[in-house]
C-alpha atoms as a PDB file:
ATOM      1  CA  MET A   1     -15.187  11.576 -10.332  1.00  0.00           C
ATOM      2  CA  LYS A   2     -15.046   9.011  -7.573  1.00  0.00           C
ATOM      3  CA  ARG A   3     -18.128   7.260  -8.939  1.00  0.00           C
ATOM      4  CA  LYS A   4     -16.599   6.813 -12.430  1.00  0.00           C
ATOM      5  CA  TYR A   5     -13.360   5.610 -10.855  1.00  0.00           C
ATOM      6  CA  ARG A   6     -15.125   2.885  -8.894  1.00  0.00           C
ATOM      7  CA  GLU A   7     -17.176   1.821 -11.898  1.00  0.00           C
ATOM      8  CA  LEU A   8     -13.988   1.107 -13.896  1.00  0.00           C
ATOM      9  CA  GLU A   9     -12.324  -1.070 -11.248  1.00  0.00           C
ATOM     10  CA  PRO A  10     -14.010  -4.429 -12.075  1.00  0.00           C
ATOM     11  CA  PHE A  11     -13.150  -4.094 -15.776  1.00  0.00           C
ATOM     12  CA  CYS A  12      -9.438  -3.523 -15.440  1.00  0.00           C
ATOM     13  CA  GLN A  13      -6.700  -5.787 -14.107  1.00  0.00           C
ATOM     14  CA  THR A  14      -3.978  -3.128 -13.920  1.00  0.00           C
ATOM     15  CA  LYS A  15      -3.381  -1.078 -10.815  1.00  0.00           C
ATOM     16  CA  THR A  16      -4.422   2.501 -10.350  1.00  0.00           C
ATOM     17  CA  VAL A  17      -1.476   4.775 -10.838  1.00  0.00           C
ATOM     18  CA  PRO A  18      -1.793   7.957  -8.785  1.00  0.00           C
ATOM     19  CA  CYS A  19       0.863  10.468  -9.735  1.00  0.00           C
ATOM     20  CA  ARG A  20       2.046  13.953  -8.800  1.00  0.00           C
ATOM     21  CA  ALA A  21      -0.804  16.461  -8.498  1.00  0.00           C
ATOM     22  CA  ALA A  22      -3.420  13.812  -7.738  1.00  0.00           C
ATOM     23  CA  GLU A  23      -3.818  12.791 -11.378  1.00  0.00           C
ATOM     24  CA  ILE A  24      -5.575   9.446 -11.755  1.00  0.00           C
ATOM     25  CA  PHE A  25      -4.687   6.882 -14.415  1.00  0.00           C
ATOM     26  CA  LYS A  26      -6.543   3.582 -14.834  1.00  0.00           C
ATOM     27  CA  CYS A  27      -5.639   1.079 -17.573  1.00  0.00           C
ATOM     28  CA  GLY A  28      -3.413   3.780 -19.058  1.00  0.00           C
ATOM     29  CA  LYS A  29      -6.256   6.243 -19.476  1.00  0.00           C
ATOM     30  CA  PHE A  30      -6.321   9.622 -17.813  1.00  0.00           C
ATOM     31  CA  LEU A  31      -9.433   9.872 -15.647  1.00  0.00           C
ATOM     32  CA  GLY A  32      -8.971  13.362 -14.315  1.00  0.00           C
ATOM     33  CA  VAL A  33      -7.804  15.018 -11.156  1.00  0.00           C
ATOM     34  CA  ARG A  34      -8.944  13.722  -7.798  1.00  0.00           C
ATOM     35  CA  GLU A  35     -10.426  16.393  -5.514  1.00  0.00           C
ATOM     36  CA  ALA A  36      -8.939  14.991  -2.326  1.00  0.00           C
ATOM     37  CA  PRO A  37      -5.156  14.895  -1.864  1.00  0.00           C
ATOM     38  CA  LEU A  38      -3.410  11.580  -2.414  1.00  0.00           C
ATOM     39  CA  PRO A  39      -2.910   9.347   0.589  1.00  0.00           C
ATOM     40  CA  ALA A  40       0.587   9.283   2.086  1.00  0.00           C
ATOM     41  CA  THR A  41       1.085   5.719   0.798  1.00  0.00           C
ATOM     42  CA  ALA A  42       0.431   6.610  -2.850  1.00  0.00           C
ATOM     43  CA  SER A  43       3.376   6.208  -5.180  1.00  0.00           C
ATOM     44  CA  CYS A  44       4.090   7.311  -8.713  1.00  0.00           C
ATOM     45  CA  ARG A  45       4.470   4.346 -11.085  1.00  0.00           C
ATOM     46  CA  LEU A  46       5.719   4.403 -14.626  1.00  0.00           C
ATOM     47  CA  TRP A  47       3.139   3.272 -17.159  1.00  0.00           C
ATOM     48  CA  VAL A  48       4.439   1.892 -20.458  1.00  0.00           C
ATOM     49  CA  PRO A  49       2.141   2.677 -23.436  1.00  0.00           C
ATOM     50  CA  GLY A  50       1.108  -0.335 -25.492  1.00  0.00           C
ATOM     51  CA  ILE A  51       2.171  -2.843 -22.830  1.00  0.00           C
ATOM     52  CA  ASP A  52      -0.317  -4.139 -20.284  1.00  0.00           C
ATOM     53  CA  MET A  53       2.081  -3.806 -17.350  1.00  0.00           C
ATOM     54  CA  ASP A  54       3.649  -1.056 -15.372  1.00  0.00           C
ATOM     55  CA  GLY A  55       7.288   0.004 -15.601  1.00  0.00           C
ATOM     56  CA  ILE A  56       8.207  -1.839 -12.421  1.00  0.00           C
ATOM     57  CA  THR A  57       7.147  -5.174 -13.903  1.00  0.00           C
ATOM     58  CA  LEU A  58       8.990  -4.356 -17.114  1.00  0.00           C
ATOM     59  CA  ILE A  59      12.199  -3.624 -15.187  1.00  0.00           C
ATOM     60  CA  GLY A  60      11.728  -6.897 -13.288  1.00  0.00           C
ATOM     61  CA  LEU A  61      11.321  -8.859 -16.513  1.00  0.00           C
ATOM     62  CA  LEU A  62      14.414  -7.254 -18.028  1.00  0.00           C
ATOM     63  CA  ALA A  63      16.437  -8.008 -14.883  1.00  0.00           C
ATOM     64  CA  ALA A  64      15.204 -11.621 -14.867  1.00  0.00           C
ATOM     65  CA  ALA A  65      16.062 -12.056 -18.551  1.00  0.00           C
ATOM     66  CA  ILE A  66      19.569 -10.633 -18.201  1.00  0.00           C
ATOM     67  CA  SER A  67      20.306 -12.586 -14.999  1.00  0.00           C
ATOM     68  CA  THR A  68      19.013 -15.825 -16.481  1.00  0.00           C
ATOM     69  CA  LEU A  69      20.977 -15.358 -19.694  1.00  0.00           C
ATOM     70  CA  GLY A  70      24.110 -15.289 -17.518  1.00  0.00           C
ATOM     71  CA  PHE A  71      23.774 -19.078 -17.248  1.00  0.00           C
ATOM     72  CA  ALA A  72      23.560 -19.632 -20.992  1.00  0.00           C
ATOM     73  CA  PRO A  73      27.303 -19.551 -21.838  1.00  0.00           C
ATOM     74  CA  GLN A  74      28.089 -22.138 -19.140  1.00  0.00           C
ATOM     75  CA  VAL A  75      25.226 -24.408 -20.208  1.00  0.00           C
ATOM     76  CA  ILE A  76      26.226 -24.155 -23.894  1.00  0.00           C
ATOM     77  CA  LYS A  77      29.878 -24.907 -23.099  1.00  0.00           C
ATOM     78  CA  ILE A  78      28.965 -27.930 -20.970  1.00  0.00           C
ATOM     79  CA  HIS A  79      26.572 -29.200 -23.635  1.00  0.00           C
ATOM     80  CA  ARG A  80      29.240 -28.929 -26.362  1.00  0.00           C
ATOM     81  CA  THR A  81      32.287 -30.212 -24.462  1.00  0.00           C
ATOM     82  CA  LYS A  82      30.633 -32.539 -21.922  1.00  0.00           C
ATOM     83  CA  MET A  83      33.328 -31.362 -19.491  1.00  0.00           C
ATOM     84  CA  THR A  84      32.289 -30.433 -15.954  1.00  0.00           C
ATOM     85  CA  ARG A  85      35.440 -31.338 -14.059  1.00  0.00           C
ATOM     86  CA  ASP A  86      36.165 -27.803 -12.813  1.00  0.00           C
ATOM     87  CA  LEU A  87      32.618 -27.147 -11.599  1.00  0.00           C
ATOM     88  CA  SER A  88      31.625 -27.552  -7.969  1.00  0.00           C
ATOM     89  CA  LEU A  89      28.642 -29.883  -7.583  1.00  0.00           C
ATOM     90  CA  GLY A  90      27.893 -28.535  -4.110  1.00  0.00           C
ATOM     91  CA  SER A  91      27.850 -24.977  -5.387  1.00  0.00           C
ATOM     92  CA  TYR A  92      25.323 -25.779  -8.112  1.00  0.00           C
ATOM     93  CA  ILE A  93      23.150 -27.798  -5.731  1.00  0.00           C
ATOM     94  CA  LEU A  94      22.996 -24.817  -3.357  1.00  0.00           C
ATOM     95  CA  LEU A  95      22.339 -22.475  -6.266  1.00  0.00           C
ATOM     96  CA  PHE A  96      19.519 -24.715  -7.507  1.00  0.00           C
ATOM     97  CA  ALA A  97      17.972 -24.868  -4.022  1.00  0.00           C
ATOM     98  CA  GLY A  98      18.043 -21.075  -3.738  1.00  0.00           C
ATOM     99  CA  LEU A  99      16.585 -20.599  -7.218  1.00  0.00           C
ATOM    100  CA  PHE A 100      13.861 -23.139  -6.468  1.00  0.00           C
ATOM    101  CA  LEU A 101      12.904 -21.278  -3.278  1.00  0.00           C
ATOM    102  CA  TRP A 102      12.808 -17.993  -5.240  1.00  0.00           C
ATOM    103  CA  LEU A 103      10.523 -19.732  -7.736  1.00  0.00           C
ATOM    104  CA  ILE A 104       8.170 -20.850  -4.951  1.00  0.00           C
ATOM    105  CA  TYR A 105       8.233 -17.316  -3.522  1.00  0.00           C
ATOM    106  CA  GLY A 106       7.386 -15.865  -6.946  1.00  0.00           C
ATOM    107  CA  LEU A 107       4.513 -18.318  -7.369  1.00  0.00           C
ATOM    108  CA  LEU A 108       3.110 -17.390  -3.968  1.00  0.00           C
ATOM    109  CA  LEU A 109       3.315 -13.685  -4.835  1.00  0.00           C
ATOM    110  CA  GLY A 110       2.178 -14.161  -8.417  1.00  0.00           C
ATOM    111  CA  ALA A 111       5.180 -12.098  -9.554  1.00  0.00           C
ATOM    112  CA  LEU A 112       5.819 -12.894 -13.214  1.00  0.00           C
ATOM    113  CA  PRO A 113       9.448 -11.671 -13.343  1.00  0.00           C
ATOM    114  CA  ILE A 114      10.418 -13.794 -10.341  1.00  0.00           C
ATOM    115  CA  ILE A 115       8.570 -16.836 -11.695  1.00  0.00           C
ATOM    116  CA  LEU A 116       9.986 -16.713 -15.224  1.00  0.00           C
ATOM    117  CA  GLY A 117      13.548 -15.843 -14.297  1.00  0.00           C
ATOM    118  CA  ASN A 118      13.869 -18.483 -11.621  1.00  0.00           C
ATOM    119  CA  ALA A 119      12.021 -21.227 -13.517  1.00  0.00           C
ATOM    120  CA  ILE A 120      14.423 -20.909 -16.448  1.00  0.00           C
ATOM    121  CA  ALA A 121      17.467 -20.560 -14.173  1.00  0.00           C
ATOM    122  CA  CYS A 122      16.354 -23.653 -12.197  1.00  0.00           C
ATOM    123  CA  ALA A 123      16.143 -25.637 -15.427  1.00  0.00           C
ATOM    124  CA  MET A 124      19.653 -24.531 -16.433  1.00  0.00           C
ATOM    125  CA  ALA A 125      21.094 -25.266 -12.989  1.00  0.00           C
ATOM    126  CA  ALA A 126      19.396 -28.690 -12.982  1.00  0.00           C
ATOM    127  CA  TYR A 127      20.943 -29.426 -16.389  1.00  0.00           C
ATOM    128  CA  ILE A 128      24.398 -28.458 -15.102  1.00  0.00           C
ATOM    129  CA  ILE A 129      23.920 -30.701 -12.036  1.00  0.00           C
ATOM    130  CA  TYR A 130      22.796 -33.579 -14.262  1.00  0.00           C
ATOM    131  CA  MET A 131      25.803 -33.164 -16.544  1.00  0.00           C
ATOM    132  CA  LYS A 132      28.168 -32.878 -13.552  1.00  0.00           C
ATOM    133  CA  ILE A 133      26.845 -36.154 -12.113  1.00  0.00           C
ATOM    134  CA  LYS A 134      26.876 -37.883 -15.523  1.00  0.00           C
ATOM    135  CA  HIS A 135      30.319 -36.700 -16.695  1.00  0.00           C
ATOM    136  CA  GLY A 136      32.069 -36.005 -13.403  1.00  0.00           C
END
């Protein structure tokens, strides 16, 4: 069993998902039961059929999408009314700086949910800053 497991590693980009009674999953396929017990660091990860990602990444993408969409109403309102008088420029500059650092962090980790969520949120925050400077 160990030999087959090692042969599959170069052909698959997804992580091995050890679960419960030492069951082994690779690329969403059941490979059998490992003879040796799982190491103490092994964790059970949710695998989503038909999607080439694990459940953790899916939750991260959903969280990033929902959090980023929280900016949309403000951006739409500013775009329509051109009014930014009640917004704090300093607050949005700090928010942009934090989002930009999260984006850099996501790029360094290669974490898709962090990259996508913060790239889009940075663009929205930059637009709000631009409109605040342009329209006061």
